[in-house]
Amino acid sequence: AYAFGGAAMAMDTVQKYVDIPIDHYVSINMKGLKELVDAIGGIEVNNDFTFSQDGYDFPIGKITLNGNQALSYSRMRYEDPNGDYGRQGRQRKIVEGIAEKVLSLNGVSNYQSILNALESNMKTDMSFDEMKKIALDYREAFGTIKQDQLQGEGFMQDNISYQKVSDQELDRVKKELKDQLNLENK
């Protein structure tokens, strides 16, 4: 949906598909991700298995990544036994590492570098004040993020990669989301 209609179509499609309201979006391009990781002085992630990508070695266990390493870490999928799902998991770890680092910084001294990294590399439908309020209101929740994803069978159509998700899998994820968000299950 994002490829065809940007964030608005992606939000609308996901809302309808999983029957969950989505109020806002934030997207950041790869250049912004690299610059943001560098602006906060790198991040730590827990790596599940040893692999190499783009000339970088990523051993198993807790590792510290700079911006270029974070990009390489997030892009690898062919050596991963979980393929694209594994890549998505590493991308989530990077986002969590960034959030953890930013929220743990008291009196951020490098705020200008962070703002510069985001300025031309991020898109959102929120104001800066709205983003700040969400970050502060949910600061404690970042330590207890629960992750899930729709599992499906991949296929290609018109040279575009898609996932076919079973009705049972879709129902499972809908129920989980509604339970976590305290929304009424239909």
N, C-alpha and C. Protein backbone atom coordinates (compact mmCIF):
# COMPACT_ATOMS: atom_id res chain seq x y z
N ALA A 1 0.82 -1.19 0.00
CA ALA A 1 0.00 0.00 0.00
C ALA A 1 0.87 1.26 0.00
N TYR A 2 1.96 1.22 0.78
CA TYR A 2 2.83 2.39 0.86
C TYR A 2 3.42 2.72 -0.52
N ALA A 3 3.81 1.69 -1.26
CA ALA A 3 4.42 1.90 -2.57
C ALA A 3 3.44 2.54 -3.56
N PHE A 4 2.15 2.30 -3.37
CA PHE A 4 1.16 2.82 -4.30
C PHE A 4 0.56 4.16 -3.87
N GLY A 5 0.47 4.41 -2.56
CA GLY A 5 -0.21 5.62 -2.11
C GLY A 5 0.39 6.28 -0.89
N GLY A 6 1.63 5.94 -0.58
CA GLY A 6 2.30 6.59 0.54
C GLY A 6 1.71 6.23 1.90
N ALA A 7 2.02 7.06 2.88
CA ALA A 7 1.63 6.79 4.26
C ALA A 7 0.11 6.75 4.44
N ALA A 8 -0.60 7.65 3.77
CA ALA A 8 -2.06 7.69 3.92
C ALA A 8 -2.69 6.37 3.49
N MET A 9 -2.28 5.84 2.35
CA MET A 9 -2.85 4.57 1.88
C MET A 9 -2.41 3.42 2.77
N ALA A 10 -1.16 3.44 3.23
CA ALA A 10 -0.68 2.38 4.12
C ALA A 10 -1.48 2.37 5.42
N MET A 11 -1.69 3.55 6.01
CA MET A 11 -2.47 3.63 7.25
C MET A 11 -3.90 3.13 7.04
N ASP A 12 -4.53 3.58 5.97
CA ASP A 12 -5.91 3.18 5.67
C ASP A 12 -6.00 1.67 5.44
N THR A 13 -5.06 1.12 4.70
CA THR A 13 -5.06 -0.31 4.40
C THR A 13 -4.88 -1.14 5.66
N VAL A 14 -3.91 -0.77 6.49
CA VAL A 14 -3.65 -1.53 7.72
C VAL A 14 -4.83 -1.40 8.68
N GLN A 15 -5.39 -0.19 8.82
CA GLN A 15 -6.56 -0.01 9.69
C GLN A 15 -7.69 -0.95 9.30
N LYS A 16 -7.98 -0.99 8.02
CA LYS A 16 -9.08 -1.83 7.54
C LYS A 16 -8.74 -3.32 7.67
N TYR A 17 -7.50 -3.67 7.41
CA TYR A 17 -7.11 -5.07 7.41
C TYR A 17 -7.14 -5.68 8.81
N VAL A 18 -6.61 -4.94 9.79
CA VAL A 18 -6.56 -5.50 11.15
C VAL A 18 -7.63 -4.92 12.07
N ASP A 19 -8.47 -4.03 11.54
CA ASP A 19 -9.60 -3.47 12.28
C ASP A 19 -9.14 -2.78 13.57
N ILE A 20 -8.09 -1.98 13.45
CA ILE A 20 -7.51 -1.24 14.58
C ILE A 20 -7.31 0.20 14.12
N PRO A 21 -7.70 1.18 14.94
CA PRO A 21 -7.46 2.58 14.55
C PRO A 21 -5.96 2.92 14.60
N ILE A 22 -5.50 3.62 13.59
CA ILE A 22 -4.13 4.12 13.55
C ILE A 22 -4.23 5.63 13.45
N ASP A 23 -3.71 6.32 14.45
CA ASP A 23 -3.88 7.77 14.53
C ASP A 23 -2.79 8.55 13.80
N HIS A 24 -1.58 8.04 13.80
CA HIS A 24 -0.46 8.80 13.25
C HIS A 24 0.58 7.88 12.62
N TYR A 25 1.51 8.49 11.91
CA TYR A 25 2.62 7.73 11.35
C TYR A 25 3.89 8.56 11.44
N VAL A 26 5.00 7.85 11.46
CA VAL A 26 6.33 8.45 11.34
C VAL A 26 7.12 7.53 10.42
N SER A 27 7.76 8.08 9.42
CA SER A 27 8.66 7.27 8.59
C SER A 27 9.98 8.01 8.47
N ILE A 28 11.04 7.23 8.42
CA ILE A 28 12.38 7.80 8.30
C ILE A 28 13.11 7.00 7.22
N ASN A 29 13.83 7.70 6.36
CA ASN A 29 14.56 6.99 5.31
C ASN A 29 15.88 6.46 5.87
N MET A 30 16.57 5.67 5.06
CA MET A 30 17.79 5.01 5.52
C MET A 30 18.90 6.02 5.86
N LYS A 31 19.00 7.09 5.10
CA LYS A 31 20.01 8.12 5.41
C LYS A 31 19.72 8.71 6.79
N GLY A 32 18.46 8.97 7.07
CA GLY A 32 18.09 9.52 8.37
C GLY A 32 18.36 8.55 9.50
N LEU A 33 18.13 7.27 9.25
CA LEU A 33 18.40 6.25 10.27
C LEU A 33 19.89 6.26 10.63
N LYS A 34 20.73 6.26 9.61
CA LYS A 34 22.18 6.29 9.83
C LYS A 34 22.58 7.53 10.61
N GLU A 35 22.11 8.69 10.17
CA GLU A 35 22.47 9.95 10.83
C GLU A 35 21.94 10.02 12.26
N LEU A 36 20.75 9.49 12.50
CA LEU A 36 20.18 9.50 13.84
C LEU A 36 20.98 8.62 14.79
N VAL A 37 21.35 7.42 14.33
CA VAL A 37 22.17 6.53 15.17
C VAL A 37 23.49 7.20 15.51
N ASP A 38 24.11 7.84 14.53
CA ASP A 38 25.37 8.55 14.80
C ASP A 38 25.16 9.73 15.75
N ALA A 39 24.04 10.45 15.59
CA ALA A 39 23.78 11.64 16.42
C ALA A 39 23.61 11.28 17.90
N ILE A 40 23.14 10.08 18.18
CA ILE A 40 22.95 9.68 19.58
C ILE A 40 24.13 8.87 20.11
N GLY A 41 25.18 8.76 19.31
CA GLY A 41 26.39 8.08 19.77
C GLY A 41 26.35 6.58 19.64
N GLY A 42 25.54 6.06 18.72
CA GLY A 42 25.45 4.61 18.52
C GLY A 42 24.38 3.99 19.39
N ILE A 43 24.08 2.73 19.10
CA ILE A 43 23.06 1.99 19.85
C ILE A 43 23.56 0.59 20.16
N GLU A 44 22.93 -0.03 21.13
CA GLU A 44 23.21 -1.43 21.45
C GLU A 44 22.02 -2.28 21.05
N VAL A 45 22.31 -3.44 20.46
CA VAL A 45 21.27 -4.42 20.15
C VAL A 45 21.79 -5.79 20.54
N ASN A 46 20.88 -6.70 20.76
CA ASN A 46 21.24 -8.09 21.05
C ASN A 46 21.10 -8.89 19.77
N ASN A 47 22.21 -9.33 19.21
CA ASN A 47 22.23 -10.04 17.93
C ASN A 47 22.02 -11.53 18.15
N ASP A 48 21.09 -12.12 17.40
CA ASP A 48 20.70 -13.52 17.59
C ASP A 48 21.65 -14.53 16.97
N PHE A 49 22.36 -14.16 15.92
CA PHE A 49 23.30 -15.09 15.30
C PHE A 49 24.40 -14.32 14.57
N THR A 50 25.53 -14.97 14.38
CA THR A 50 26.69 -14.35 13.76
C THR A 50 26.50 -14.28 12.24
N PHE A 51 26.79 -13.09 11.68
CA PHE A 51 26.77 -12.94 10.23
C PHE A 51 27.64 -11.76 9.83
N SER A 52 27.93 -11.66 8.54
CA SER A 52 28.69 -10.53 7.99
C SER A 52 27.85 -9.89 6.90
N GLN A 53 27.99 -8.57 6.77
CA GLN A 53 27.24 -7.83 5.75
C GLN A 53 28.01 -6.56 5.44
N ASP A 54 28.22 -6.27 4.18
CA ASP A 54 28.86 -5.02 3.74
C ASP A 54 30.21 -4.78 4.41
N GLY A 55 30.95 -5.85 4.67
CA GLY A 55 32.27 -5.71 5.28
C GLY A 55 32.27 -5.61 6.80
N TYR A 56 31.11 -5.69 7.41
CA TYR A 56 31.01 -5.65 8.88
C TYR A 56 30.69 -7.04 9.40
N ASP A 57 31.29 -7.39 10.54
CA ASP A 57 31.00 -8.66 11.21
C ASP A 57 30.11 -8.37 12.40
N PHE A 58 29.04 -9.17 12.54
CA PHE A 58 28.09 -9.01 13.63
C PHE A 58 28.06 -10.30 14.45
N PRO A 59 28.83 -10.35 15.55
CA PRO A 59 28.86 -11.56 16.37
C PRO A 59 27.57 -11.71 17.18
N ILE A 60 27.34 -12.92 17.64
CA ILE A 60 26.17 -13.18 18.47
C ILE A 60 26.32 -12.45 19.81
N GLY A 61 25.23 -11.97 20.36
CA GLY A 61 25.25 -11.29 21.65
C GLY A 61 25.05 -9.80 21.53
N LYS A 62 25.31 -9.09 22.62
CA LYS A 62 25.12 -7.64 22.66
C LYS A 62 26.22 -6.96 21.86
N ILE A 63 25.81 -6.12 20.90
CA ILE A 63 26.77 -5.41 20.06
C ILE A 63 26.40 -3.93 20.01
N THR A 64 27.41 -3.09 19.80
CA THR A 64 27.20 -1.65 19.64
C THR A 64 27.37 -1.31 18.17
N LEU A 65 26.44 -0.53 17.64
CA LEU A 65 26.43 -0.19 16.22
C LEU A 65 26.51 1.31 16.02
N ASN A 66 27.34 1.74 15.06
CA ASN A 66 27.28 3.13 14.61
C ASN A 66 26.27 3.19 13.46
N GLY A 67 26.12 4.34 12.85
CA GLY A 67 25.11 4.50 11.81
C GLY A 67 25.28 3.58 10.62
N ASN A 68 26.50 3.49 10.07
CA ASN A 68 26.72 2.61 8.91
C ASN A 68 26.51 1.15 9.27
N GLN A 69 26.97 0.76 10.45
CA GLN A 69 26.77 -0.63 10.89
C GLN A 69 25.29 -0.93 11.08
N ALA A 70 24.54 0.03 11.63
CA ALA A 70 23.10 -0.17 11.84
C ALA A 70 22.39 -0.38 10.50
N LEU A 71 22.79 0.37 9.48
CA LEU A 71 22.20 0.18 8.15
C LEU A 71 22.48 -1.23 7.63
N SER A 72 23.73 -1.65 7.70
CA SER A 72 24.09 -2.99 7.22
C SER A 72 23.38 -4.07 8.03
N TYR A 73 23.34 -3.89 9.33
CA TYR A 73 22.66 -4.85 10.22
C TYR A 73 21.19 -4.97 9.84
N SER A 74 20.57 -3.85 9.50
CA SER A 74 19.14 -3.85 9.20
C SER A 74 18.81 -4.38 7.81
N ARG A 75 19.76 -4.38 6.91
CA ARG A 75 19.48 -4.75 5.52
C ARG A 75 19.66 -6.24 5.23
N MET A 76 20.45 -6.94 6.02
CA MET A 76 20.75 -8.33 5.70
C MET A 76 19.51 -9.21 5.81
N ARG A 77 19.29 -10.06 4.80
CA ARG A 77 18.21 -11.04 4.89
C ARG A 77 18.56 -12.37 4.26
N TYR A 78 19.53 -12.41 3.34
CA TYR A 78 19.79 -13.65 2.61
C TYR A 78 20.49 -14.70 3.44
N GLU A 79 21.30 -14.31 4.42
CA GLU A 79 21.95 -15.29 5.30
C GLU A 79 21.05 -15.67 6.47
N ASP A 80 19.94 -14.99 6.63
CA ASP A 80 19.05 -15.20 7.77
C ASP A 80 18.10 -16.35 7.45
N PRO A 81 18.04 -17.37 8.31
CA PRO A 81 17.11 -18.47 8.07
C PRO A 81 15.65 -18.02 8.08
N ASN A 82 15.37 -16.86 8.68
CA ASN A 82 14.01 -16.33 8.68
C ASN A 82 13.76 -15.31 7.57
N GLY A 83 14.74 -15.14 6.68
CA GLY A 83 14.57 -14.27 5.52
C GLY A 83 14.12 -12.86 5.88
N ASP A 84 13.08 -12.40 5.20
CA ASP A 84 12.60 -11.04 5.40
C ASP A 84 12.05 -10.83 6.81
N TYR A 85 11.48 -11.87 7.42
CA TYR A 85 10.99 -11.74 8.80
C TYR A 85 12.16 -11.46 9.75
N GLY A 86 13.30 -12.08 9.50
CA GLY A 86 14.48 -11.82 10.32
C GLY A 86 14.97 -10.39 10.15
N ARG A 87 14.95 -9.92 8.91
CA ARG A 87 15.35 -8.53 8.64
C ARG A 87 14.41 -7.56 9.37
N GLN A 88 13.12 -7.83 9.31
CA GLN A 88 12.16 -6.98 10.02
C GLN A 88 12.44 -6.97 11.52
N GLY A 89 12.80 -8.11 12.06
CA GLY A 89 13.13 -8.19 13.48
C GLY A 89 14.34 -7.35 13.84
N ARG A 90 15.37 -7.37 12.98
CA ARG A 90 16.55 -6.54 13.23
C ARG A 90 16.21 -5.06 13.11
N GLN A 91 15.35 -4.72 12.16
CA GLN A 91 14.95 -3.32 12.03
C GLN A 91 14.20 -2.85 13.28
N ARG A 92 13.35 -3.71 13.85
CA ARG A 92 12.66 -3.36 15.10
C ARG A 92 13.67 -3.17 16.23
N LYS A 93 14.69 -4.03 16.27
CA LYS A 93 15.71 -3.88 17.32
C LYS A 93 16.42 -2.54 17.21
N ILE A 94 16.67 -2.09 16.00
CA ILE A 94 17.32 -0.79 15.80
C ILE A 94 16.41 0.34 16.28
N VAL A 95 15.14 0.28 15.92
CA VAL A 95 14.19 1.31 16.37
C VAL A 95 14.11 1.32 17.89
N GLU A 96 14.05 0.14 18.49
CA GLU A 96 14.01 0.06 19.96
C GLU A 96 15.30 0.60 20.57
N GLY A 97 16.44 0.29 19.96
CA GLY A 97 17.71 0.80 20.46
C GLY A 97 17.78 2.31 20.40
N ILE A 98 17.27 2.88 19.32
CA ILE A 98 17.23 4.34 19.19
C ILE A 98 16.31 4.93 20.25
N ALA A 99 15.11 4.38 20.38
CA ALA A 99 14.15 4.90 21.36
C ALA A 99 14.71 4.81 22.77
N GLU A 100 15.30 3.68 23.09
CA GLU A 100 15.87 3.50 24.43
C GLU A 100 16.96 4.53 24.71
N LYS A 101 17.82 4.75 23.73
CA LYS A 101 18.93 5.69 23.92
C LYS A 101 18.41 7.12 24.03
N VAL A 102 17.49 7.51 23.15
CA VAL A 102 16.96 8.88 23.18
C VAL A 102 16.21 9.14 24.47
N LEU A 103 15.39 8.19 24.90
CA LEU A 103 14.60 8.39 26.12
C LEU A 103 15.44 8.33 27.38
N SER A 104 16.62 7.74 27.31
CA SER A 104 17.47 7.66 28.50
C SER A 104 18.40 8.86 28.64
N LEU A 105 18.49 9.67 27.60
CA LEU A 105 19.38 10.83 27.64
C LEU A 105 18.74 11.94 28.45
N ASN A 106 19.43 12.40 29.46
CA ASN A 106 18.94 13.53 30.26
C ASN A 106 19.60 14.80 29.74
N GLY A 107 18.76 15.79 29.45
CA GLY A 107 19.32 17.04 28.94
C GLY A 107 20.15 16.79 27.71
N VAL A 108 19.54 16.26 26.68
CA VAL A 108 20.24 15.86 25.46
C VAL A 108 21.13 17.00 24.96
N SER A 109 22.42 16.77 25.03
CA SER A 109 23.37 17.80 24.62
C SER A 109 23.53 17.85 23.11
N ASN A 110 23.22 16.77 22.45
CA ASN A 110 23.38 16.72 21.00
C ASN A 110 22.04 16.82 20.29
N TYR A 111 21.09 17.55 20.89
CA TYR A 111 19.76 17.65 20.31
C TYR A 111 19.80 18.24 18.90
N GLN A 112 20.73 19.16 18.62
CA GLN A 112 20.79 19.77 17.30
C GLN A 112 21.17 18.73 16.25
N SER A 113 22.08 17.82 16.57
CA SER A 113 22.44 16.74 15.63
C SER A 113 21.25 15.83 15.38
N ILE A 114 20.48 15.55 16.43
CA ILE A 114 19.29 14.70 16.29
C ILE A 114 18.27 15.39 15.39
N LEU A 115 18.01 16.67 15.65
CA LEU A 115 17.05 17.41 14.82
C LEU A 115 17.53 17.51 13.38
N ASN A 116 18.82 17.71 13.17
CA ASN A 116 19.36 17.77 11.81
C ASN A 116 19.17 16.44 11.08
N ALA A 117 19.37 15.33 11.80
CA ALA A 117 19.21 14.01 11.18
C ALA A 117 17.76 13.78 10.78
N LEU A 118 16.83 14.29 11.57
CA LEU A 118 15.41 14.05 11.30
C LEU A 118 14.83 15.04 10.29
N GLU A 119 15.34 16.25 10.28
CA GLU A 119 14.74 17.34 9.53
C GLU A 119 14.37 17.00 8.09
N SER A 120 15.30 16.51 7.31
CA SER A 120 15.01 16.24 5.90
C SER A 120 14.85 14.75 5.60
N ASN A 121 14.88 13.93 6.63
CA ASN A 121 14.84 12.47 6.42
C ASN A 121 13.61 11.80 7.03
N MET A 122 12.75 12.58 7.68
CA MET A 122 11.60 12.01 8.37
C MET A 122 10.32 12.64 7.84
N LYS A 123 9.27 11.82 7.76
CA LYS A 123 7.94 12.32 7.41
C LYS A 123 6.98 11.88 8.50
N THR A 124 6.07 12.76 8.87
CA THR A 124 5.06 12.43 9.88
C THR A 124 3.85 13.34 9.70
N ASP A 125 2.75 12.92 10.29
CA ASP A 125 1.56 13.77 10.30
C ASP A 125 1.37 14.42 11.67
N MET A 126 2.41 14.36 12.51
CA MET A 126 2.34 14.94 13.85
C MET A 126 3.22 16.18 13.95
N SER A 127 2.84 17.06 14.86
CA SER A 127 3.69 18.21 15.16
C SER A 127 4.80 17.76 16.11
N PHE A 128 5.82 18.58 16.24
CA PHE A 128 6.90 18.26 17.17
C PHE A 128 6.36 18.12 18.59
N ASP A 129 5.44 19.01 18.98
CA ASP A 129 4.87 18.94 20.33
C ASP A 129 4.10 17.64 20.54
N GLU A 130 3.37 17.18 19.52
CA GLU A 130 2.64 15.90 19.64
C GLU A 130 3.62 14.74 19.81
N MET A 131 4.70 14.74 19.04
CA MET A 131 5.69 13.66 19.16
C MET A 131 6.34 13.68 20.54
N LYS A 132 6.67 14.86 21.02
CA LYS A 132 7.28 14.99 22.34
C LYS A 132 6.33 14.48 23.42
N LYS A 133 5.05 14.82 23.32
CA LYS A 133 4.06 14.37 24.31
C LYS A 133 3.94 12.85 24.31
N ILE A 134 3.88 12.25 23.13
CA ILE A 134 3.80 10.78 23.05
C ILE A 134 5.04 10.16 23.66
N ALA A 135 6.21 10.68 23.33
CA ALA A 135 7.46 10.13 23.87
C ALA A 135 7.48 10.21 25.39
N LEU A 136 7.05 11.32 25.94
CA LEU A 136 7.06 11.48 27.39
C LEU A 136 5.96 10.66 28.06
N ASP A 137 4.77 10.65 27.47
CA ASP A 137 3.65 9.90 28.05
C ASP A 137 3.90 8.39 28.06
N TYR A 138 4.62 7.90 27.06
CA TYR A 138 4.82 6.45 26.93
C TYR A 138 6.27 6.04 27.21
N ARG A 139 7.02 6.90 27.86
CA ARG A 139 8.43 6.63 28.16
C ARG A 139 8.61 5.28 28.85
N GLU A 140 7.81 5.00 29.85
CA GLU A 140 7.92 3.74 30.61
C GLU A 140 7.55 2.53 29.76
N ALA A 141 6.63 2.71 28.82
CA ALA A 141 6.17 1.59 28.00
C ALA A 141 7.25 1.05 27.07
N PHE A 142 8.25 1.86 26.75
CA PHE A 142 9.30 1.40 25.84
C PHE A 142 10.07 0.21 26.40
N GLY A 143 10.06 0.04 27.71
CA GLY A 143 10.74 -1.10 28.32
C GLY A 143 9.95 -2.39 28.23
N THR A 144 8.68 -2.30 27.84
CA THR A 144 7.82 -3.49 27.81
C THR A 144 7.12 -3.64 26.46
N ILE A 145 7.80 -3.32 25.40
CA ILE A 145 7.20 -3.45 24.07
C ILE A 145 7.01 -4.92 23.74
N LYS A 146 5.80 -5.27 23.33
CA LYS A 146 5.52 -6.63 22.89
C LYS A 146 5.41 -6.60 21.38
N GLN A 147 6.07 -7.54 20.73
CA GLN A 147 6.10 -7.57 19.27
C GLN A 147 5.36 -8.78 18.75
N ASP A 148 4.75 -8.60 17.61
CA ASP A 148 4.08 -9.68 16.91
C ASP A 148 4.09 -9.32 15.43
N GLN A 149 3.86 -10.27 14.59
CA GLN A 149 3.76 -9.97 13.17
C GLN A 149 2.90 -11.01 12.49
N LEU A 150 2.23 -10.56 11.45
CA LEU A 150 1.45 -11.47 10.63
C LEU A 150 2.41 -12.38 9.86
N GLN A 151 2.21 -13.66 9.96
CA GLN A 151 3.02 -14.62 9.20
C GLN A 151 2.22 -15.06 7.98
N GLY A 152 2.86 -15.05 6.84
CA GLY A 152 2.17 -15.44 5.62
C GLY A 152 3.10 -16.15 4.66
N GLU A 153 2.56 -16.50 3.54
CA GLU A 153 3.31 -17.14 2.47
C GLU A 153 3.62 -16.08 1.41
N GLY A 154 4.90 -15.96 1.07
CA GLY A 154 5.30 -14.96 0.09
C GLY A 154 5.00 -15.39 -1.34
N PHE A 155 4.67 -14.41 -2.17
CA PHE A 155 4.49 -14.66 -3.59
C PHE A 155 4.76 -13.37 -4.36
N MET A 156 5.07 -13.52 -5.64
CA MET A 156 5.33 -12.37 -6.50
C MET A 156 4.18 -12.20 -7.47
N GLN A 157 3.79 -10.94 -7.68
CA GLN A 157 2.77 -10.62 -8.66
C GLN A 157 3.14 -9.29 -9.30
N ASP A 158 3.21 -9.26 -10.62
CA ASP A 158 3.60 -8.05 -11.34
C ASP A 158 4.92 -7.49 -10.82
N ASN A 159 5.84 -8.40 -10.52
CA ASN A 159 7.19 -8.05 -10.05
C ASN A 159 7.20 -7.35 -8.69
N ILE A 160 6.15 -7.57 -7.89
CA ILE A 160 6.04 -7.00 -6.54
C ILE A 160 5.85 -8.16 -5.57
N SER A 161 6.57 -8.09 -4.45
CA SER A 161 6.49 -9.13 -3.42
C SER A 161 5.29 -8.88 -2.50
N TYR A 162 4.50 -9.93 -2.27
CA TYR A 162 3.33 -9.86 -1.40
C TYR A 162 3.38 -11.01 -0.39
N GLN A 163 2.53 -10.93 0.63
CA GLN A 163 2.35 -12.00 1.60
C GLN A 163 0.87 -12.37 1.62
N LYS A 164 0.58 -13.65 1.54
CA LYS A 164 -0.79 -14.16 1.69
C LYS A 164 -0.91 -14.67 3.11
N VAL A 165 -1.81 -14.06 3.88
CA VAL A 165 -2.00 -14.39 5.29
C VAL A 165 -3.29 -15.20 5.43
N SER A 166 -3.23 -16.29 6.18
CA SER A 166 -4.42 -17.12 6.38
C SER A 166 -5.43 -16.38 7.25
N ASP A 167 -6.70 -16.75 7.13
CA ASP A 167 -7.76 -16.15 7.96
C ASP A 167 -7.49 -16.38 9.44
N GLN A 168 -6.99 -17.57 9.78
CA GLN A 168 -6.71 -17.89 11.19
C GLN A 168 -5.61 -16.98 11.74
N GLU A 169 -4.57 -16.76 10.95
CA GLU A 169 -3.46 -15.89 11.38
C GLU A 169 -3.95 -14.46 11.53
N LEU A 170 -4.74 -13.99 10.59
CA LEU A 170 -5.27 -12.63 10.67
C LEU A 170 -6.15 -12.47 11.91
N ASP A 171 -7.02 -13.44 12.17
CA ASP A 171 -7.88 -13.39 13.36
C ASP A 171 -7.06 -13.39 14.64
N ARG A 172 -5.99 -14.17 14.67
CA ARG A 172 -5.12 -14.23 15.85
C ARG A 172 -4.50 -12.87 16.14
N VAL A 173 -3.97 -12.23 15.10
CA VAL A 173 -3.31 -10.93 15.28
C VAL A 173 -4.33 -9.84 15.63
N LYS A 174 -5.49 -9.88 15.00
CA LYS A 174 -6.54 -8.90 15.34
C LYS A 174 -6.90 -9.00 16.82
N LYS A 175 -7.10 -10.23 17.30
CA LYS A 175 -7.46 -10.43 18.70
C LYS A 175 -6.35 -9.94 19.62
N GLU A 176 -5.12 -10.27 19.29
CA GLU A 176 -3.98 -9.85 20.12
C GLU A 176 -3.89 -8.32 20.18
N LEU A 177 -4.03 -7.66 19.05
CA LEU A 177 -3.97 -6.20 19.03
C LEU A 177 -5.09 -5.59 19.87
N LYS A 178 -6.29 -6.10 19.69
CA LYS A 178 -7.43 -5.57 20.45
C LYS A 178 -7.26 -5.81 21.95
N ASP A 179 -6.74 -6.98 22.31
CA ASP A 179 -6.48 -7.26 23.72
C ASP A 179 -5.44 -6.29 24.29
N GLN A 180 -4.35 -6.09 23.57
CA GLN A 180 -3.27 -5.21 24.04
C GLN A 180 -3.71 -3.75 24.12
N LEU A 181 -4.59 -3.34 23.21
CA LEU A 181 -5.04 -1.95 23.18
C LEU A 181 -6.33 -1.73 23.96
N ASN A 182 -6.80 -2.78 24.62
CA ASN A 182 -8.05 -2.71 25.38
C ASN A 182 -9.22 -2.25 24.52
N LEU A 183 -9.28 -2.78 23.31
CA LEU A 183 -10.39 -2.50 22.40
C LEU A 183 -11.33 -3.69 22.42
N GLU A 184 -12.58 -3.43 22.16
CA GLU A 184 -13.58 -4.50 22.17
C GLU A 184 -13.36 -5.42 20.97
N ASN A 185 -13.33 -6.73 21.25
CA ASN A 185 -13.24 -7.71 20.16
C ASN A 185 -14.60 -7.89 19.54
N LYS A 186 -14.63 -7.92 18.21
CA LYS A 186 -15.90 -8.14 17.49
C LYS A 186 -16.07 -9.61 17.21
